[in-house]
Amino acid sequence: FESGGQFYLVQEYVKGLTLKQEVKRYGVFDEFKVRAVL
C-alpha cells in the first residue's frame, strides 16, 4: 500500500540468522557447508 507519500511492502516475517550473522557468531564455513549452501 501507499501512505503519506511512502510505499510499503508487507511480507512474511522470517525468524533466524542471516549467513552474515552466522559467520560473525560461529566463524567461517568449511567446504562441506558451502557446498550445502550452493
PDB file of all heavy atoms in Angstrom:
ATOM      1  N   PHE A   1       0.834  -1.191   0.000  1.00  0.00           N
ATOM      2  CA  PHE A   1       0.000   0.000   0.000  1.00  0.00           C
ATOM      3  C   PHE A   1       0.875   1.249   0.000  1.00  0.00           C
ATOM      4  O   PHE A   1       2.093   1.178   0.195  1.00  0.00           O
ATOM      5  CB  PHE A   1      -0.937   0.012   1.219  1.00  0.00           C
ATOM      6  CG  PHE A   1      -0.228  -0.093   2.541  1.00  0.00           C
ATOM      7  CD1 PHE A   1       0.177   1.040   3.240  1.00  0.00           C
ATOM      8  CD2 PHE A   1       0.031  -1.338   3.112  1.00  0.00           C
ATOM      9  CE1 PHE A   1       0.819   0.951   4.458  1.00  0.00           C
ATOM     10  CE2 PHE A   1       0.676  -1.449   4.332  1.00  0.00           C
ATOM     11  CZ  PHE A   1       1.077  -0.300   5.009  1.00  0.00           C
ATOM     12  N   GLU A   2       0.229   2.387  -0.246  1.00  0.00           N
ATOM     13  CA  GLU A   2       0.895   3.682  -0.238  1.00  0.00           C
ATOM     14  C   GLU A   2       0.271   4.527   0.857  1.00  0.00           C
ATOM     15  O   GLU A   2      -0.954   4.562   1.008  1.00  0.00           O
ATOM     16  CB  GLU A   2       0.721   4.354  -1.597  1.00  0.00           C
ATOM     17  CG  GLU A   2       1.372   5.708  -1.731  1.00  0.00           C
ATOM     18  CD  GLU A   2       1.109   6.335  -3.083  1.00  0.00           C
ATOM     19  OE1 GLU A   2       0.635   5.625  -4.004  1.00  0.00           O
ATOM     20  OE2 GLU A   2       1.373   7.549  -3.228  1.00  0.00           O
ATOM     21  N   SER A   3       1.122   5.199   1.625  1.00  0.00           N
ATOM     22  CA  SER A   3       0.607   6.019   2.726  1.00  0.00           C
ATOM     23  C   SER A   3       1.572   7.165   2.998  1.00  0.00           C
ATOM     24  O   SER A   3       2.773   6.932   3.164  1.00  0.00           O
ATOM     25  CB  SER A   3       0.435   5.168   3.991  1.00  0.00           C
ATOM     26  OG  SER A   3      -0.002   5.950   5.076  1.00  0.00           O
ATOM     27  N   GLY A   4       1.022   8.380   3.034  1.00  0.00           N
ATOM     28  CA  GLY A   4       1.830   9.547   3.356  1.00  0.00           C
ATOM     29  C   GLY A   4       2.984   9.779   2.404  1.00  0.00           C
ATOM     30  O   GLY A   4       4.043  10.265   2.808  1.00  0.00           O
ATOM     31  N   GLY A   5       2.812   9.441   1.130  1.00  0.00           N
ATOM     32  CA  GLY A   5       3.867   9.624   0.140  1.00  0.00           C
ATOM     33  C   GLY A   5       4.945   8.560   0.181  1.00  0.00           C
ATOM     34  O   GLY A   5       5.919   8.654  -0.563  1.00  0.00           O
ATOM     35  N   GLN A   6       4.804   7.549   1.042  1.00  0.00           N
ATOM     36  CA  GLN A   6       5.762   6.444   1.124  1.00  0.00           C
ATOM     37  C   GLN A   6       5.076   5.164   0.662  1.00  0.00           C
ATOM     38  O   GLN A   6       3.851   5.032   0.709  1.00  0.00           O
ATOM     39  CB  GLN A   6       6.289   6.276   2.550  1.00  0.00           C
ATOM     40  CG  GLN A   6       6.752   7.556   3.235  1.00  0.00           C
ATOM     41  CD  GLN A   6       7.913   8.231   2.528  1.00  0.00           C
ATOM     42  OE1 GLN A   6       8.693   7.568   1.857  1.00  0.00           O
ATOM     43  NE2 GLN A   6       8.012   9.547   2.678  1.00  0.00           N
ATOM     44  N   PHE A   7       5.880   4.206   0.232  1.00  0.00           N
ATOM     45  CA  PHE A   7       5.352   2.935  -0.253  1.00  0.00           C
ATOM     46  C   PHE A   7       5.740   1.825   0.724  1.00  0.00           C
ATOM     47  O   PHE A   7       6.837   1.821   1.271  1.00  0.00           O
ATOM     48  CB  PHE A   7       5.904   2.631  -1.647  1.00  0.00           C
ATOM     49  CG  PHE A   7       5.538   3.654  -2.681  1.00  0.00           C
ATOM     50  CD1 PHE A   7       6.363   4.740  -2.922  1.00  0.00           C
ATOM     51  CD2 PHE A   7       4.356   3.537  -3.394  1.00  0.00           C
ATOM     52  CE1 PHE A   7       6.028   5.687  -3.869  1.00  0.00           C
ATOM     53  CE2 PHE A   7       4.005   4.484  -4.343  1.00  0.00           C
ATOM     54  CZ  PHE A   7       4.843   5.562  -4.584  1.00  0.00           C
ATOM     55  N   TYR A   8       4.829   0.859   0.911  1.00  0.00           N
ATOM     56  CA  TYR A   8       5.048  -0.183   1.917  1.00  0.00           C
ATOM     57  C   TYR A   8       4.757  -1.565   1.329  1.00  0.00           C
ATOM     58  O   TYR A   8       3.739  -1.771   0.653  1.00  0.00           O
ATOM     59  CB  TYR A   8       4.143   0.044   3.135  1.00  0.00           C
ATOM     60  CG  TYR A   8       4.441   1.313   3.882  1.00  0.00           C
ATOM     61  CD1 TYR A   8       3.817   2.514   3.535  1.00  0.00           C
ATOM     62  CD2 TYR A   8       5.346   1.333   4.941  1.00  0.00           C
ATOM     63  CE1 TYR A   8       4.096   3.692   4.213  1.00  0.00           C
ATOM     64  CE2 TYR A   8       5.627   2.496   5.628  1.00  0.00           C
ATOM     65  CZ  TYR A   8       5.005   3.674   5.262  1.00  0.00           C
ATOM     66  OH  TYR A   8       5.276   4.837   5.939  1.00  0.00           O
ATOM     67  N   LEU A   9       5.678  -2.493   1.600  1.00  0.00           N
ATOM     68  CA  LEU A   9       5.503  -3.907   1.271  1.00  0.00           C
ATOM     69  C   LEU A   9       5.398  -4.679   2.578  1.00  0.00           C
ATOM     70  O   LEU A   9       6.236  -4.501   3.462  1.00  0.00           O
ATOM     71  CB  LEU A   9       6.689  -4.441   0.474  1.00  0.00           C
ATOM     72  CG  LEU A   9       6.888  -3.932  -0.956  1.00  0.00           C
ATOM     73  CD1 LEU A   9       8.285  -4.287  -1.441  1.00  0.00           C
ATOM     74  CD2 LEU A   9       5.849  -4.548  -1.884  1.00  0.00           C
ATOM     75  N   VAL A  10       4.394  -5.521   2.696  1.00  0.00           N
ATOM     76  CA  VAL A  10       4.221  -6.338   3.899  1.00  0.00           C
ATOM     77  C   VAL A  10       4.491  -7.792   3.511  1.00  0.00           C
ATOM     78  O   VAL A  10       3.833  -8.344   2.632  1.00  0.00           O
ATOM     79  CB  VAL A  10       2.807  -6.197   4.489  1.00  0.00           C
ATOM     80  CG1 VAL A  10       2.694  -6.997   5.785  1.00  0.00           C
ATOM     81  CG2 VAL A  10       2.465  -4.734   4.717  1.00  0.00           C
ATOM     82  N   GLN A  11       5.490  -8.387   4.164  1.00  0.00           N
ATOM     83  CA  GLN A  11       5.862  -9.755   3.846  1.00  0.00           C
ATOM     84  C   GLN A  11       5.894 -10.631   5.096  1.00  0.00           C
ATOM     85  O   GLN A  11       5.892 -10.137   6.226  1.00  0.00           O
ATOM     86  CB  GLN A  11       7.252  -9.781   3.186  1.00  0.00           C
ATOM     87  CG  GLN A  11       7.277  -9.223   1.770  1.00  0.00           C
ATOM     88  CD  GLN A  11       8.651  -9.343   1.155  1.00  0.00           C
ATOM     89  OE1 GLN A  11       9.556  -8.591   1.473  1.00  0.00           O
ATOM     90  NE2 GLN A  11       8.825 -10.302   0.258  1.00  0.00           N
ATOM     91  N   GLU A  12       5.923 -11.923   4.842  1.00  0.00           N
ATOM     92  CA  GLU A  12       6.064 -12.908   5.921  1.00  0.00           C
ATOM     93  C   GLU A  12       7.340 -12.624   6.709  1.00  0.00           C
ATOM     94  O   GLU A  12       8.393 -12.339   6.141  1.00  0.00           O
ATOM     95  CB  GLU A  12       6.128 -14.298   5.285  1.00  0.00           C
ATOM     96  CG  GLU A  12       6.495 -15.430   6.214  1.00  0.00           C
ATOM     97  CD  GLU A  12       6.807 -16.699   5.451  1.00  0.00           C
ATOM     98  OE1 GLU A  12       6.728 -16.700   4.211  1.00  0.00           O
ATOM     99  OE2 GLU A  12       7.148 -17.689   6.115  1.00  0.00           O
ATOM    100  N   TYR A  13       7.248 -12.686   8.018  1.00  0.00           N
ATOM    101  CA  TYR A  13       8.411 -12.462   8.880  1.00  0.00           C
ATOM    102  C   TYR A  13       9.181 -13.770   9.023  1.00  0.00           C
ATOM    103  O   TYR A  13       8.618 -14.810   9.381  1.00  0.00           O
ATOM    104  CB  TYR A  13       7.974 -11.962  10.255  1.00  0.00           C
ATOM    105  CG  TYR A  13       9.104 -11.765  11.239  1.00  0.00           C
ATOM    106  CD1 TYR A  13       9.996 -10.713  11.097  1.00  0.00           C
ATOM    107  CD2 TYR A  13       9.279 -12.642  12.306  1.00  0.00           C
ATOM    108  CE1 TYR A  13      11.036 -10.522  11.993  1.00  0.00           C
ATOM    109  CE2 TYR A  13      10.317 -12.463  13.215  1.00  0.00           C
ATOM    110  CZ  TYR A  13      11.186 -11.405  13.050  1.00  0.00           C
ATOM    111  OH  TYR A  13      12.214 -11.224  13.937  1.00  0.00           O
ATOM    112  N   VAL A  14      10.475 -13.737   8.715  1.00  0.00           N
ATOM    113  CA  VAL A  14      11.319 -14.931   8.785  1.00  0.00           C
ATOM    114  C   VAL A  14      12.238 -14.797   9.992  1.00  0.00           C
ATOM    115  O   VAL A  14      13.081 -13.892  10.044  1.00  0.00           O
ATOM    116  CB  VAL A  14      12.150 -15.102   7.499  1.00  0.00           C
ATOM    117  CG1 VAL A  14      13.009 -16.364   7.600  1.00  0.00           C
ATOM    118  CG2 VAL A  14      11.247 -15.166   6.281  1.00  0.00           C
ATOM    119  N   LYS A  15      12.083 -15.697  10.936  1.00  0.00           N
ATOM    120  CA  LYS A  15      12.921 -15.674  12.133  1.00  0.00           C
ATOM    121  C   LYS A  15      14.143 -16.556  11.930  1.00  0.00           C
ATOM    122  O   LYS A  15      14.037 -17.707  11.519  1.00  0.00           O
ATOM    123  CB  LYS A  15      12.129 -16.167  13.345  1.00  0.00           C
ATOM    124  CG  LYS A  15      12.900 -16.082  14.668  1.00  0.00           C
ATOM    125  CD  LYS A  15      12.044 -16.562  15.832  1.00  0.00           C
ATOM    126  CE  LYS A  15      12.807 -16.466  17.149  1.00  0.00           C
ATOM    127  NZ  LYS A  15      11.993 -16.948  18.296  1.00  0.00           N
ATOM    128  N   GLY A  16      15.302 -16.014  12.206  1.00  0.00           N
ATOM    129  CA  GLY A  16      16.529 -16.780  12.070  1.00  0.00           C
ATOM    130  C   GLY A  16      17.722 -15.859  11.926  1.00  0.00           C
ATOM    131  O   GLY A  16      17.610 -14.636  12.041  1.00  0.00           O
ATOM    132  N   LEU A  17      18.881 -16.450  11.657  1.00  0.00           N
ATOM    133  CA  LEU A  17      20.116 -15.697  11.465  1.00  0.00           C
ATOM    134  C   LEU A  17      20.452 -15.620   9.978  1.00  0.00           C
ATOM    135  O   LEU A  17      20.271 -16.604   9.249  1.00  0.00           O
ATOM    136  CB  LEU A  17      21.287 -16.350  12.200  1.00  0.00           C
ATOM    137  CG  LEU A  17      21.250 -16.384  13.727  1.00  0.00           C
ATOM    138  CD1 LEU A  17      22.474 -17.137  14.251  1.00  0.00           C
ATOM    139  CD2 LEU A  17      21.196 -14.987  14.314  1.00  0.00           C
ATOM    140  N   THR A  18      20.941 -14.475   9.543  1.00  0.00           N
ATOM    141  CA  THR A  18      21.466 -14.399   8.186  1.00  0.00           C
ATOM    142  C   THR A  18      22.805 -15.127   8.134  1.00  0.00           C
ATOM    143  O   THR A  18      23.435 -15.380   9.165  1.00  0.00           O
ATOM    144  CB  THR A  18      21.679 -12.936   7.750  1.00  0.00           C
ATOM    145  OG1 THR A  18      22.726 -12.361   8.534  1.00  0.00           O
ATOM    146  CG2 THR A  18      20.392 -12.115   7.926  1.00  0.00           C
ATOM    147  N   LEU A  19      23.237 -15.472   6.926  1.00  0.00           N
ATOM    148  CA  LEU A  19      24.539 -16.136   6.794  1.00  0.00           C
ATOM    149  C   LEU A  19      25.666 -15.220   7.261  1.00  0.00           C
ATOM    150  O   LEU A  19      26.679 -15.696   7.787  1.00  0.00           O
ATOM    151  CB  LEU A  19      24.768 -16.571   5.349  1.00  0.00           C
ATOM    152  CG  LEU A  19      23.829 -17.665   4.822  1.00  0.00           C
ATOM    153  CD1 LEU A  19      24.286 -18.133   3.446  1.00  0.00           C
ATOM    154  CD2 LEU A  19      23.750 -18.852   5.783  1.00  0.00           C
ATOM    155  N   LYS A  20      25.497 -13.931   7.112  1.00  0.00           N
ATOM    156  CA  LYS A  20      26.494 -12.996   7.618  1.00  0.00           C
ATOM    157  C   LYS A  20      26.564 -13.066   9.137  1.00  0.00           C
ATOM    158  O   LYS A  20      27.650 -13.094   9.725  1.00  0.00           O
ATOM    159  CB  LYS A  20      26.159 -11.568   7.176  1.00  0.00           C
ATOM    160  CG  LYS A  20      27.184 -10.541   7.632  1.00  0.00           C
ATOM    161  CD  LYS A  20      26.853  -9.154   7.100  1.00  0.00           C
ATOM    162  CE  LYS A  20      27.901  -8.135   7.525  1.00  0.00           C
ATOM    163  NZ  LYS A  20      27.602  -6.776   7.000  1.00  0.00           N
ATOM    164  N   GLN A  21      25.404 -13.140   9.783  1.00  0.00           N
ATOM    165  CA  GLN A  21      25.378 -13.254  11.243  1.00  0.00           C
ATOM    166  C   GLN A  21      25.955 -14.581  11.705  1.00  0.00           C
ATOM    167  O   GLN A  21      26.632 -14.645  12.737  1.00  0.00           O
ATOM    168  CB  GLN A  21      23.932 -13.100  11.740  1.00  0.00           C
ATOM    169  CG  GLN A  21      23.386 -11.693  11.594  1.00  0.00           C
ATOM    170  CD  GLN A  21      21.901 -11.608  11.868  1.00  0.00           C
ATOM    171  OE1 GLN A  21      21.149 -12.568  11.626  1.00  0.00           O
ATOM    172  NE2 GLN A  21      21.445 -10.477  12.388  1.00  0.00           N
ATOM    173  N   GLU A  22      25.723 -15.664  10.941  1.00  0.00           N
ATOM    174  CA  GLU A  22      26.298 -16.962  11.305  1.00  0.00           C
ATOM    175  C   GLU A  22      27.825 -16.910  11.280  1.00  0.00           C
ATOM    176  O   GLU A  22      28.494 -17.448  12.175  1.00  0.00           O
ATOM    177  CB  GLU A  22      25.795 -18.046  10.345  1.00  0.00           C
ATOM    178  CG  GLU A  22      24.355 -18.481  10.599  1.00  0.00           C
ATOM    179  CD  GLU A  22      23.998 -19.727   9.815  1.00  0.00           C
ATOM    180  OE1 GLU A  22      24.880 -20.284   9.134  1.00  0.00           O
ATOM    181  OE2 GLU A  22      22.823 -20.146   9.884  1.00  0.00           O
ATOM    182  N   VAL A  23      28.389 -16.273  10.252  1.00  0.00           N
ATOM    183  CA  VAL A  23      29.845 -16.162  10.171  1.00  0.00           C
ATOM    184  C   VAL A  23      30.384 -15.330  11.333  1.00  0.00           C
ATOM    185  O   VAL A  23      31.397 -15.682  11.954  1.00  0.00           O
ATOM    186  CB  VAL A  23      30.262 -15.545   8.820  1.00  0.00           C
ATOM    187  CG1 VAL A  23      31.751 -15.201   8.824  1.00  0.00           C
ATOM    188  CG2 VAL A  23      29.960 -16.505   7.679  1.00  0.00           C
ATOM    189  N   LYS A  24      29.705 -14.240  11.647  1.00  0.00           N
ATOM    190  CA  LYS A  24      30.145 -13.390  12.754  1.00  0.00           C
ATOM    191  C   LYS A  24      30.069 -14.135  14.088  1.00  0.00           C
ATOM    192  O   LYS A  24      30.933 -13.974  14.961  1.00  0.00           O
ATOM    193  CB  LYS A  24      29.269 -12.130  12.831  1.00  0.00           C
ATOM    194  CG  LYS A  24      29.368 -11.218  11.627  1.00  0.00           C
ATOM    195  CD  LYS A  24      30.713 -10.524  11.539  1.00  0.00           C
ATOM    196  CE  LYS A  24      30.746  -9.504  10.414  1.00  0.00           C
ATOM    197  NZ  LYS A  24      32.069  -8.867  10.268  1.00  0.00           N
ATOM    198  N   ARG A  25      29.052 -14.962  14.247  1.00  0.00           N
ATOM    199  CA  ARG A  25      28.833 -15.628  15.532  1.00  0.00           C
ATOM    200  C   ARG A  25      29.623 -16.925  15.665  1.00  0.00           C
ATOM    201  O   ARG A  25      30.181 -17.223  16.718  1.00  0.00           O
ATOM    202  CB  ARG A  25      27.341 -15.909  15.716  1.00  0.00           C
ATOM    203  CG  ARG A  25      27.001 -16.559  17.051  1.00  0.00           C
ATOM    204  CD  ARG A  25      25.503 -16.683  17.258  1.00  0.00           C
ATOM    205  NE  ARG A  25      24.854 -15.376  17.318  1.00  0.00           N
ATOM    206  CZ  ARG A  25      23.564 -15.197  17.636  1.00  0.00           C
ATOM    207  NH1 ARG A  25      22.815 -16.247  17.931  1.00  0.00           N
ATOM    208  NH2 ARG A  25      23.045 -13.989  17.653  1.00  0.00           N
ATOM    209  N   TYR A  26      29.664 -17.728  14.583  1.00  0.00           N
ATOM    210  CA  TYR A  26      30.249 -19.071  14.702  1.00  0.00           C
ATOM    211  C   TYR A  26      31.553 -19.256  13.928  1.00  0.00           C
ATOM    212  O   TYR A  26      32.194 -20.302  14.046  1.00  0.00           O
ATOM    213  CB  TYR A  26      29.238 -20.117  14.218  1.00  0.00           C
ATOM    214  CG  TYR A  26      27.909 -20.058  14.927  1.00  0.00           C
ATOM    215  CD1 TYR A  26      26.741 -19.747  14.240  1.00  0.00           C
ATOM    216  CD2 TYR A  26      27.818 -20.296  16.298  1.00  0.00           C
ATOM    217  CE1 TYR A  26      25.518 -19.690  14.890  1.00  0.00           C
ATOM    218  CE2 TYR A  26      26.603 -20.237  16.957  1.00  0.00           C
ATOM    219  CZ  TYR A  26      25.448 -19.925  16.249  1.00  0.00           C
ATOM    220  OH  TYR A  26      24.245 -19.856  16.890  1.00  0.00           O
ATOM    221  N   GLY A  27      31.940 -18.275  13.123  1.00  0.00           N
ATOM    222  CA  GLY A  27      33.167 -18.412  12.346  1.00  0.00           C
ATOM    223  C   GLY A  27      32.888 -18.804  10.909  1.00  0.00           C
ATOM    224  O   GLY A  27      31.749 -19.055  10.509  1.00  0.00           O
ATOM    225  N   VAL A  28      33.941 -18.872  10.109  1.00  0.00           N
ATOM    226  CA  VAL A  28      33.792 -19.130   8.676  1.00  0.00           C
ATOM    227  C   VAL A  28      33.310 -20.556   8.424  1.00  0.00           C
ATOM    228  O   VAL A  28      33.479 -21.451   9.248  1.00  0.00           O
ATOM    229  CB  VAL A  28      35.112 -18.878   7.932  1.00  0.00           C
ATOM    230  CG1 VAL A  28      35.525 -17.423   8.038  1.00  0.00           C
ATOM    231  CG2 VAL A  28      36.226 -19.788   8.460  1.00  0.00           C
ATOM    232  N   PHE A  29      32.725 -20.759   7.255  1.00  0.00           N
ATOM    233  CA  PHE A  29      32.213 -22.062   6.859  1.00  0.00           C
ATOM    234  C   PHE A  29      33.355 -22.920   6.326  1.00  0.00           C
ATOM    235  O   PHE A  29      34.339 -22.404   5.787  1.00  0.00           O
ATOM    236  CB  PHE A  29      31.171 -21.911   5.754  1.00  0.00           C
ATOM    237  CG  PHE A  29      29.835 -21.391   6.215  1.00  0.00           C
ATOM    238  CD1 PHE A  29      29.724 -20.517   7.291  1.00  0.00           C
ATOM    239  CD2 PHE A  29      28.677 -21.767   5.565  1.00  0.00           C
ATOM    240  CE1 PHE A  29      28.502 -20.032   7.715  1.00  0.00           C
ATOM    241  CE2 PHE A  29      27.445 -21.293   5.973  1.00  0.00           C
ATOM    242  CZ  PHE A  29      27.353 -20.427   7.046  1.00  0.00           C
ATOM    243  N   ASP A  30      33.205 -24.238   6.440  1.00  0.00           N
ATOM    244  CA  ASP A  30      34.132 -25.130   5.750  1.00  0.00           C
ATOM    245  C   ASP A  30      33.551 -25.472   4.380  1.00  0.00           C
ATOM    246  O   ASP A  30      32.448 -25.061   4.028  1.00  0.00           O
ATOM    247  CB  ASP A  30      34.417 -26.396   6.570  1.00  0.00           C
ATOM    248  CG  ASP A  30      33.160 -27.195   6.894  1.00  0.00           C
ATOM    249  OD1 ASP A  30      32.152 -27.088   6.156  1.00  0.00           O
ATOM    250  OD2 ASP A  30      33.170 -27.940   7.892  1.00  0.00           O
ATOM    251  N   GLU A  31      34.316 -26.229   3.601  1.00  0.00           N
ATOM    252  CA  GLU A  31      33.898 -26.533   2.229  1.00  0.00           C
ATOM    253  C   GLU A  31      32.583 -27.302   2.192  1.00  0.00           C
ATOM    254  O   GLU A  31      31.741 -27.077   1.315  1.00  0.00           O
ATOM    255  CB  GLU A  31      34.988 -27.334   1.516  1.00  0.00           C
ATOM    256  CG  GLU A  31      34.614 -27.711   0.094  1.00  0.00           C
ATOM    257  CD  GLU A  31      35.758 -28.367  -0.663  1.00  0.00           C
ATOM    258  OE1 GLU A  31      36.910 -28.265  -0.206  1.00  0.00           O
ATOM    259  OE2 GLU A  31      35.490 -28.971  -1.713  1.00  0.00           O
ATOM    260  N   PHE A  32      32.369 -28.204   3.156  1.00  0.00           N
ATOM    261  CA  PHE A  32      31.153 -29.008   3.144  1.00  0.00           C
ATOM    262  C   PHE A  32      29.919 -28.132   3.321  1.00  0.00           C
ATOM    263  O   PHE A  32      28.900 -28.299   2.649  1.00  0.00           O
ATOM    264  CB  PHE A  32      31.206 -30.067   4.255  1.00  0.00           C
ATOM    265  CG  PHE A  32      32.478 -30.871   4.262  1.00  0.00           C
ATOM    266  CD1 PHE A  32      33.044 -31.302   5.452  1.00  0.00           C
ATOM    267  CD2 PHE A  32      33.128 -31.182   3.083  1.00  0.00           C
ATOM    268  CE1 PHE A  32      34.228 -32.030   5.467  1.00  0.00           C
ATOM    269  CE2 PHE A  32      34.306 -31.905   3.068  1.00  0.00           C
ATOM    270  CZ  PHE A  32      34.854 -32.343   4.264  1.00  0.00           C
ATOM    271  N   LYS A  33      30.010 -27.166   4.231  1.00  0.00           N
ATOM    272  CA  LYS A  33      28.872 -26.273   4.474  1.00  0.00           C
ATOM    273  C   LYS A  33      28.606 -25.379   3.266  1.00  0.00           C
ATOM    274  O   LYS A  33      27.455 -25.090   2.944  1.00  0.00           O
ATOM    275  CB  LYS A  33      29.131 -25.426   5.718  1.00  0.00           C
ATOM    276  CG  LYS A  33      29.063 -26.184   7.029  1.00  0.00           C
ATOM    277  CD  LYS A  33      29.249 -25.256   8.226  1.00  0.00           C
ATOM    278  CE  LYS A  33      29.151 -26.006   9.549  1.00  0.00           C
ATOM    279  NZ  LYS A  33      29.363 -25.084  10.703  1.00  0.00           N
ATOM    280  N   VAL A  34      29.670 -24.941   2.620  1.00  0.00           N
ATOM    281  CA  VAL A  34      29.491 -24.092   1.435  1.00  0.00           C
ATOM    282  C   VAL A  34      28.838 -24.887   0.309  1.00  0.00           C
ATOM    283  O   VAL A  34      27.966 -24.378  -0.406  1.00  0.00           O
ATOM    284  CB  VAL A  34      30.848 -23.504   0.986  1.00  0.00           C
ATOM    285  CG1 VAL A  34      30.744 -22.870  -0.396  1.00  0.00           C
ATOM    286  CG2 VAL A  34      31.315 -22.465   1.993  1.00  0.00           C
ATOM    287  N   ARG A  35      29.233 -26.133   0.153  1.00  0.00           N
ATOM    288  CA  ARG A  35      28.586 -26.976  -0.861  1.00  0.00           C
ATOM    289  C   ARG A  35      27.099 -27.142  -0.562  1.00  0.00           C
ATOM    290  O   ARG A  35      26.266 -27.138  -1.474  1.00  0.00           O
ATOM    291  CB  ARG A  35      29.262 -28.351  -0.918  1.00  0.00           C
ATOM    292  CG  ARG A  35      30.589 -28.362  -1.667  1.00  0.00           C
ATOM    293  CD  ARG A  35      31.205 -29.749  -1.670  1.00  0.00           C
ATOM    294  NE  ARG A  35      32.326 -29.834  -2.570  1.00  0.00           N
ATOM    295  CZ  ARG A  35      32.252 -30.125  -3.868  1.00  0.00           C
ATOM    296  NH1 ARG A  35      31.058 -30.376  -4.402  1.00  0.00           N
ATOM    297  NH2 ARG A  35      33.319 -30.178  -4.620  1.00  0.00           N
ATOM    298  N   ALA A  36      26.772 -27.285   0.711  1.00  0.00           N
ATOM    299  CA  ALA A  36      25.365 -27.410   1.091  1.00  0.00           C
ATOM    300  C   ALA A  36      24.599 -26.124   0.764  1.00  0.00           C
ATOM    301  O   ALA A  36      23.463 -26.166   0.286  1.00  0.00           O
ATOM    302  CB  ALA A  36      25.252 -27.727   2.584  1.00  0.00           C
ATOM    303  N   VAL A  37      25.226 -24.977   1.027  1.00  0.00           N
ATOM    304  CA  VAL A  37      24.605 -23.700   0.684  1.00  0.00           C
ATOM    305  C   VAL A  37      24.375 -23.603  -0.824  1.00  0.00           C
ATOM    306  O   VAL A  37      23.299 -23.190  -1.282  1.00  0.00           O
ATOM    307  CB  VAL A  37      25.476 -22.525   1.177  1.00  0.00           C
ATOM    308  CG1 VAL A  37      24.992 -21.199   0.571  1.00  0.00           C
ATOM    309  CG2 VAL A  37      25.435 -22.431   2.697  1.00  0.00           C
ATOM    310  N   LEU A  38      25.372 -23.995  -1.604  1.00  0.00           N
ATOM    311  CA  LEU A  38      25.227 -23.940  -3.057  1.00  0.00           C
ATOM    312  C   LEU A  38      24.131 -24.872  -3.542  1.00  0.00           C
ATOM    313  O   LEU A  38      23.335 -24.509  -4.415  1.00  0.00           O
ATOM    314  CB  LEU A  38      26.562 -24.301  -3.726  1.00  0.00           C
ATOM    315  CG  LEU A  38      27.618 -23.203  -3.752  1.00  0.00           C
ATOM    316  CD1 LEU A  38      28.951 -23.766  -4.279  1.00  0.00           C
ATOM    317  CD2 LEU A  38      27.167 -22.030  -4.603  1.00  0.00           C
TER     318      LEU A  38
END
